[in-house]
N, C-alpha and C. Protein backbone atom coordinates (compact mmCIF):
# COMPACT_ATOMS: atom_id res chain seq x y z
N MET A 1 0.75 -1.20 -0.02
CA MET A 1 0.28 -0.13 0.17
C MET A 1 1.16 1.29 -0.10
N MET A 2 0.07 2.26 -0.50
CA MET A 2 1.16 3.57 -0.84
C MET A 2 1.20 4.33 0.60
N GLU A 3 2.02 4.99 1.26
CA GLU A 3 2.12 5.77 2.48
C GLU A 3 1.43 6.97 2.03
N LYS A 4 1.10 7.59 2.91
CA LYS A 4 0.13 9.06 3.11
C LYS A 4 1.04 10.04 2.23
N SER A 5 2.43 9.92 2.51
CA SER A 5 3.32 11.04 1.65
C SER A 5 3.31 10.56 0.20
N GLU A 6 3.10 9.56 -0.19
CA GLU A 6 2.95 8.96 -1.47
C GLU A 6 1.71 9.21 -2.30
N MET A 7 0.62 9.62 -1.59
CA MET A 7 -0.64 10.01 -2.12
C MET A 7 -0.72 10.75 -3.35
N ARG A 8 -1.34 10.14 -4.45
CA ARG A 8 -1.43 10.85 -5.63
C ARG A 8 -2.37 11.97 -5.44
N ASN A 9 -2.20 12.73 -6.55
CA ASN A 9 -3.13 14.11 -6.65
C ASN A 9 -4.27 13.56 -7.45
N LEU A 10 -5.24 14.13 -7.15
CA LEU A 10 -6.65 13.81 -7.82
C LEU A 10 -6.48 13.88 -9.29
N GLN A 11 -6.05 14.98 -9.93
CA GLN A 11 -5.81 15.03 -11.39
C GLN A 11 -4.94 13.92 -11.81
N GLU A 12 -4.14 13.16 -11.13
CA GLU A 12 -3.28 12.25 -11.53
C GLU A 12 -4.10 10.80 -11.67
N VAL A 13 -4.96 10.82 -10.75
CA VAL A 13 -5.89 9.78 -10.58
C VAL A 13 -6.85 9.71 -11.91
N LEU A 14 -7.58 10.91 -12.09
CA LEU A 14 -8.50 11.09 -13.13
C LEU A 14 -7.83 10.88 -14.36
N ARG A 15 -6.57 11.22 -14.71
CA ARG A 15 -5.90 10.86 -15.91
C ARG A 15 -5.83 9.29 -16.29
N ASP A 16 -5.74 8.70 -15.30
CA ASP A 16 -5.64 7.18 -15.37
C ASP A 16 -7.01 6.59 -15.73
N GLU A 17 -8.00 7.23 -15.55
CA GLU A 17 -9.40 6.92 -15.62
C GLU A 17 -9.75 5.95 -16.46
N MET A 18 -9.65 6.40 -17.87
CA MET A 18 -9.99 5.39 -18.93
C MET A 18 -9.02 4.01 -18.95
N VAL A 19 -7.72 3.96 -18.63
CA VAL A 19 -6.93 2.82 -18.56
C VAL A 19 -7.72 1.95 -17.47
N MET A 20 -7.88 2.59 -16.43
CA MET A 20 -8.38 1.81 -15.12
C MET A 20 -10.01 1.40 -15.44
N HIS A 21 -10.83 2.01 -16.33
CA HIS A 21 -11.95 1.49 -16.41
C HIS A 21 -11.79 -0.01 -17.22
N GLU A 22 -10.98 0.19 -18.29
CA GLU A 22 -11.04 -1.04 -19.04
C GLU A 22 -10.45 -2.28 -18.01
N ARG A 23 -9.51 -1.98 -17.04
CA ARG A 23 -9.06 -3.07 -16.22
C ARG A 23 -10.10 -3.56 -15.08
N ILE A 24 -10.76 -2.56 -14.77
CA ILE A 24 -11.93 -2.80 -14.13
C ILE A 24 -12.94 -3.76 -14.50
N CYS A 25 -13.17 -3.20 -15.86
CA CYS A 25 -14.32 -4.02 -16.65
C CYS A 25 -13.94 -5.27 -16.87
N ASP A 26 -12.68 -5.75 -16.81
CA ASP A 26 -12.26 -7.07 -17.19
C ASP A 26 -12.09 -7.93 -15.86
N LEU A 27 -12.09 -7.45 -14.74
CA LEU A 27 -12.18 -7.95 -13.51
C LEU A 27 -13.54 -8.22 -13.27
N LEU A 28 -14.54 -7.10 -13.40
CA LEU A 28 -15.76 -7.36 -13.08
C LEU A 28 -16.51 -8.40 -13.95
N LYS A 29 -16.07 -8.72 -15.23
CA LYS A 29 -16.53 -9.62 -16.21
C LYS A 29 -16.38 -10.95 -15.85
N LYS A 30 -15.42 -11.26 -15.10
CA LYS A 30 -15.07 -12.52 -14.40
C LYS A 30 -16.22 -12.83 -13.02
N ASN A 31 -16.41 -11.85 -12.10
CA ASN A 31 -17.33 -12.00 -11.08
C ASN A 31 -17.45 -10.47 -10.28
N PRO A 32 -18.48 -10.27 -9.82
CA PRO A 32 -19.04 -8.99 -9.05
C PRO A 32 -17.89 -8.89 -7.96
N MET A 33 -17.37 -7.58 -7.61
CA MET A 33 -16.40 -7.33 -6.65
C MET A 33 -16.84 -6.18 -5.88
N THR A 34 -16.23 -6.33 -4.53
CA THR A 34 -16.25 -4.88 -3.88
C THR A 34 -15.08 -3.94 -4.06
N ILE A 35 -15.37 -2.82 -3.69
CA ILE A 35 -13.95 -1.82 -4.02
C ILE A 35 -12.92 -2.18 -3.37
N PRO A 36 -12.94 -2.68 -1.98
CA PRO A 36 -11.50 -2.99 -1.35
C PRO A 36 -11.09 -4.72 -2.38
N GLU A 37 -11.96 -5.42 -2.76
CA GLU A 37 -11.52 -6.14 -3.59
C GLU A 37 -10.81 -5.84 -4.85
N LEU A 38 -11.31 -4.75 -5.36
CA LEU A 38 -10.96 -4.43 -6.72
C LEU A 38 -9.63 -3.58 -6.59
N ALA A 39 -9.52 -2.71 -5.33
CA ALA A 39 -8.44 -2.35 -5.17
C ALA A 39 -7.13 -3.21 -4.89
N LYS A 40 -7.35 -4.10 -4.39
CA LYS A 40 -6.41 -5.13 -4.07
C LYS A 40 -5.94 -5.91 -5.43
N ALA A 41 -6.86 -6.06 -6.33
CA ALA A 41 -6.69 -6.83 -7.48
C ALA A 41 -5.86 -5.88 -8.35
N LEU A 42 -6.09 -4.54 -8.30
CA LEU A 42 -5.32 -3.51 -9.20
C LEU A 42 -4.12 -2.87 -8.64
N ASN A 43 -3.80 -3.35 -7.39
CA ASN A 43 -2.74 -2.85 -6.59
C ASN A 43 -2.82 -1.55 -6.38
N LYS A 44 -3.95 -0.83 -6.22
CA LYS A 44 -4.29 0.64 -5.97
C LYS A 44 -4.82 1.00 -4.97
N PRO A 45 -4.65 2.16 -4.13
CA PRO A 45 -5.63 2.55 -2.99
C PRO A 45 -7.11 2.31 -3.14
N SER A 46 -7.68 2.11 -2.14
CA SER A 46 -9.20 2.26 -2.34
C SER A 46 -9.83 3.53 -2.66
N TRP A 47 -9.27 4.46 -2.30
CA TRP A 47 -9.84 5.81 -2.49
C TRP A 47 -9.77 5.95 -3.97
N GLU A 48 -8.55 5.65 -4.63
CA GLU A 48 -8.61 5.77 -6.21
C GLU A 48 -9.49 4.93 -6.64
N THR A 49 -9.54 3.79 -6.39
CA THR A 49 -10.68 2.94 -7.16
C THR A 49 -12.21 3.32 -6.78
N THR A 50 -12.31 3.87 -5.51
CA THR A 50 -13.75 4.37 -5.34
C THR A 50 -13.83 5.56 -6.62
N VAL A 51 -13.03 6.52 -6.69
CA VAL A 51 -13.15 7.39 -7.71
C VAL A 51 -13.53 6.71 -9.08
N TRP A 52 -12.75 5.51 -9.52
CA TRP A 52 -13.02 5.27 -10.95
C TRP A 52 -14.53 4.70 -11.05
N ILE A 53 -14.97 3.79 -9.66
CA ILE A 53 -16.24 3.16 -9.65
C ILE A 53 -17.08 4.12 -9.94
N MET A 54 -17.05 5.11 -9.06
CA MET A 54 -18.09 6.08 -8.86
C MET A 54 -18.30 6.62 -10.34
N SER A 55 -17.17 6.97 -11.11
CA SER A 55 -17.41 7.71 -12.39
C SER A 55 -18.05 6.40 -13.30
N MET A 56 -17.76 5.25 -13.30
CA MET A 56 -18.33 4.18 -14.07
C MET A 56 -19.63 3.96 -13.82
N ARG A 57 -20.01 4.19 -12.41
CA ARG A 57 -21.54 4.19 -12.18
C ARG A 57 -22.31 5.18 -12.96
N ARG A 58 -21.50 6.63 -12.39
CA ARG A 58 -22.32 7.68 -12.98
C ARG A 58 -22.67 7.55 -14.45
N TYR A 59 -21.77 6.87 -15.20
CA TYR A 59 -21.89 6.78 -16.78
C TYR A 59 -22.73 5.34 -17.20
N GLY A 60 -23.19 4.51 -16.05
CA GLY A 60 -23.93 3.45 -16.28
C GLY A 60 -23.02 2.21 -16.98
N MET A 61 -21.90 2.15 -16.67
CA MET A 61 -21.15 1.31 -16.81
C MET A 61 -21.23 -0.03 -15.75
N VAL A 62 -21.41 0.38 -14.50
CA VAL A 62 -21.30 -0.70 -13.48
C VAL A 62 -22.80 -0.42 -12.60
N ALA A 63 -23.12 -1.53 -11.96
CA ALA A 63 -24.28 -1.13 -10.95
C ALA A 63 -24.01 -1.80 -9.66
N GLU A 64 -24.40 -1.46 -8.25
CA GLU A 64 -24.04 -1.93 -7.20
C GLU A 64 -25.05 -3.30 -7.22
N LEU A 65 -24.85 -4.25 -6.56
CA LEU A 65 -25.60 -5.25 -6.26
C LEU A 65 -26.07 -5.13 -4.74
N PRO A 66 -27.59 -5.71 -4.61
CA PRO A 66 -28.13 -5.15 -3.32
C PRO A 66 -27.07 -6.21 -2.37
N LYS A 67 -27.24 -5.77 -1.10
CA LYS A 67 -26.26 -6.42 0.01
C LYS A 67 -27.09 -6.43 1.05
N SER A 68 -26.81 -7.45 1.88
CA SER A 68 -27.59 -8.05 2.99
C SER A 68 -27.09 -7.17 4.22
N ARG A 69 -27.65 -6.97 5.29
CA ARG A 69 -27.16 -6.25 6.55
C ARG A 69 -25.89 -6.77 6.96
N GLY A 70 -25.36 -8.03 6.85
CA GLY A 70 -24.07 -8.66 7.22
C GLY A 70 -23.00 -8.20 6.41
N ASP A 71 -23.29 -7.79 5.15
CA ASP A 71 -22.25 -7.44 4.28
C ASP A 71 -21.48 -6.19 4.51
N ASP A 72 -20.25 -5.77 4.52
CA ASP A 72 -19.80 -4.54 4.83
C ASP A 72 -19.81 -3.60 3.61
N TYR A 73 -19.60 -4.19 2.53
CA TYR A 73 -19.43 -3.55 0.93
C TYR A 73 -20.50 -3.79 0.22
N PHE A 74 -20.88 -3.09 -0.73
CA PHE A 74 -21.58 -3.34 -1.96
C PHE A 74 -20.64 -4.01 -3.05
N LYS A 75 -21.18 -4.97 -3.67
CA LYS A 75 -20.24 -5.37 -4.83
C LYS A 75 -20.71 -4.88 -5.97
N TYR A 76 -19.89 -4.90 -7.10
CA TYR A 76 -20.07 -4.15 -8.21
C TYR A 76 -20.26 -5.03 -9.49
N THR A 77 -21.14 -4.90 -10.25
CA THR A 77 -21.00 -5.74 -11.48
C THR A 77 -21.17 -4.80 -12.84
N ILE A 78 -20.55 -5.25 -13.85
CA ILE A 78 -20.56 -4.55 -15.08
C ILE A 78 -21.82 -4.64 -15.78
N LEU A 79 -22.24 -3.57 -16.23
CA LEU A 79 -23.72 -3.52 -17.05
C LEU A 79 -23.43 -4.19 -18.61
N PRO A 80 -24.59 -4.62 -19.16
CA PRO A 80 -24.33 -5.05 -20.53
C PRO A 80 -24.46 -3.71 -21.34
N GLU A 81 -23.57 -3.70 -22.47
CA GLU A 81 -23.47 -2.58 -23.16
C GLU A 81 -24.68 -2.50 -24.01
N GLU A 82 -25.34 -1.25 -24.03
CA GLU A 82 -26.69 -1.03 -24.83
C GLU A 82 -26.25 -1.10 -26.38
N SER A 83 -27.03 -1.72 -26.88
CA SER A 83 -26.97 -1.84 -28.65
C SER A 83 -27.35 -0.67 -29.13
N GLU A 84 -26.75 -0.18 -30.21
CA GLU A 84 -26.93 0.94 -30.96
C GLU A 84 -28.09 0.92 -31.93
């Protein structure tokens, strides 16, 4: 994990957005995952992964699955692409 002194600027995180969207989609095509699971698989901090997932959610690329009260985190799944 990155130390606090190594924390990247938000602009740097946003610059990686398109590349990370592809990597996240590849992971979510296999099975739904939580943000901590995605962050670990991507070897990135959870806060950066949250930024990417929230933008993907905003643009209808992913959706959160319902969770039970016992679950700590929502799992996210890839949404099928709309046909043109």
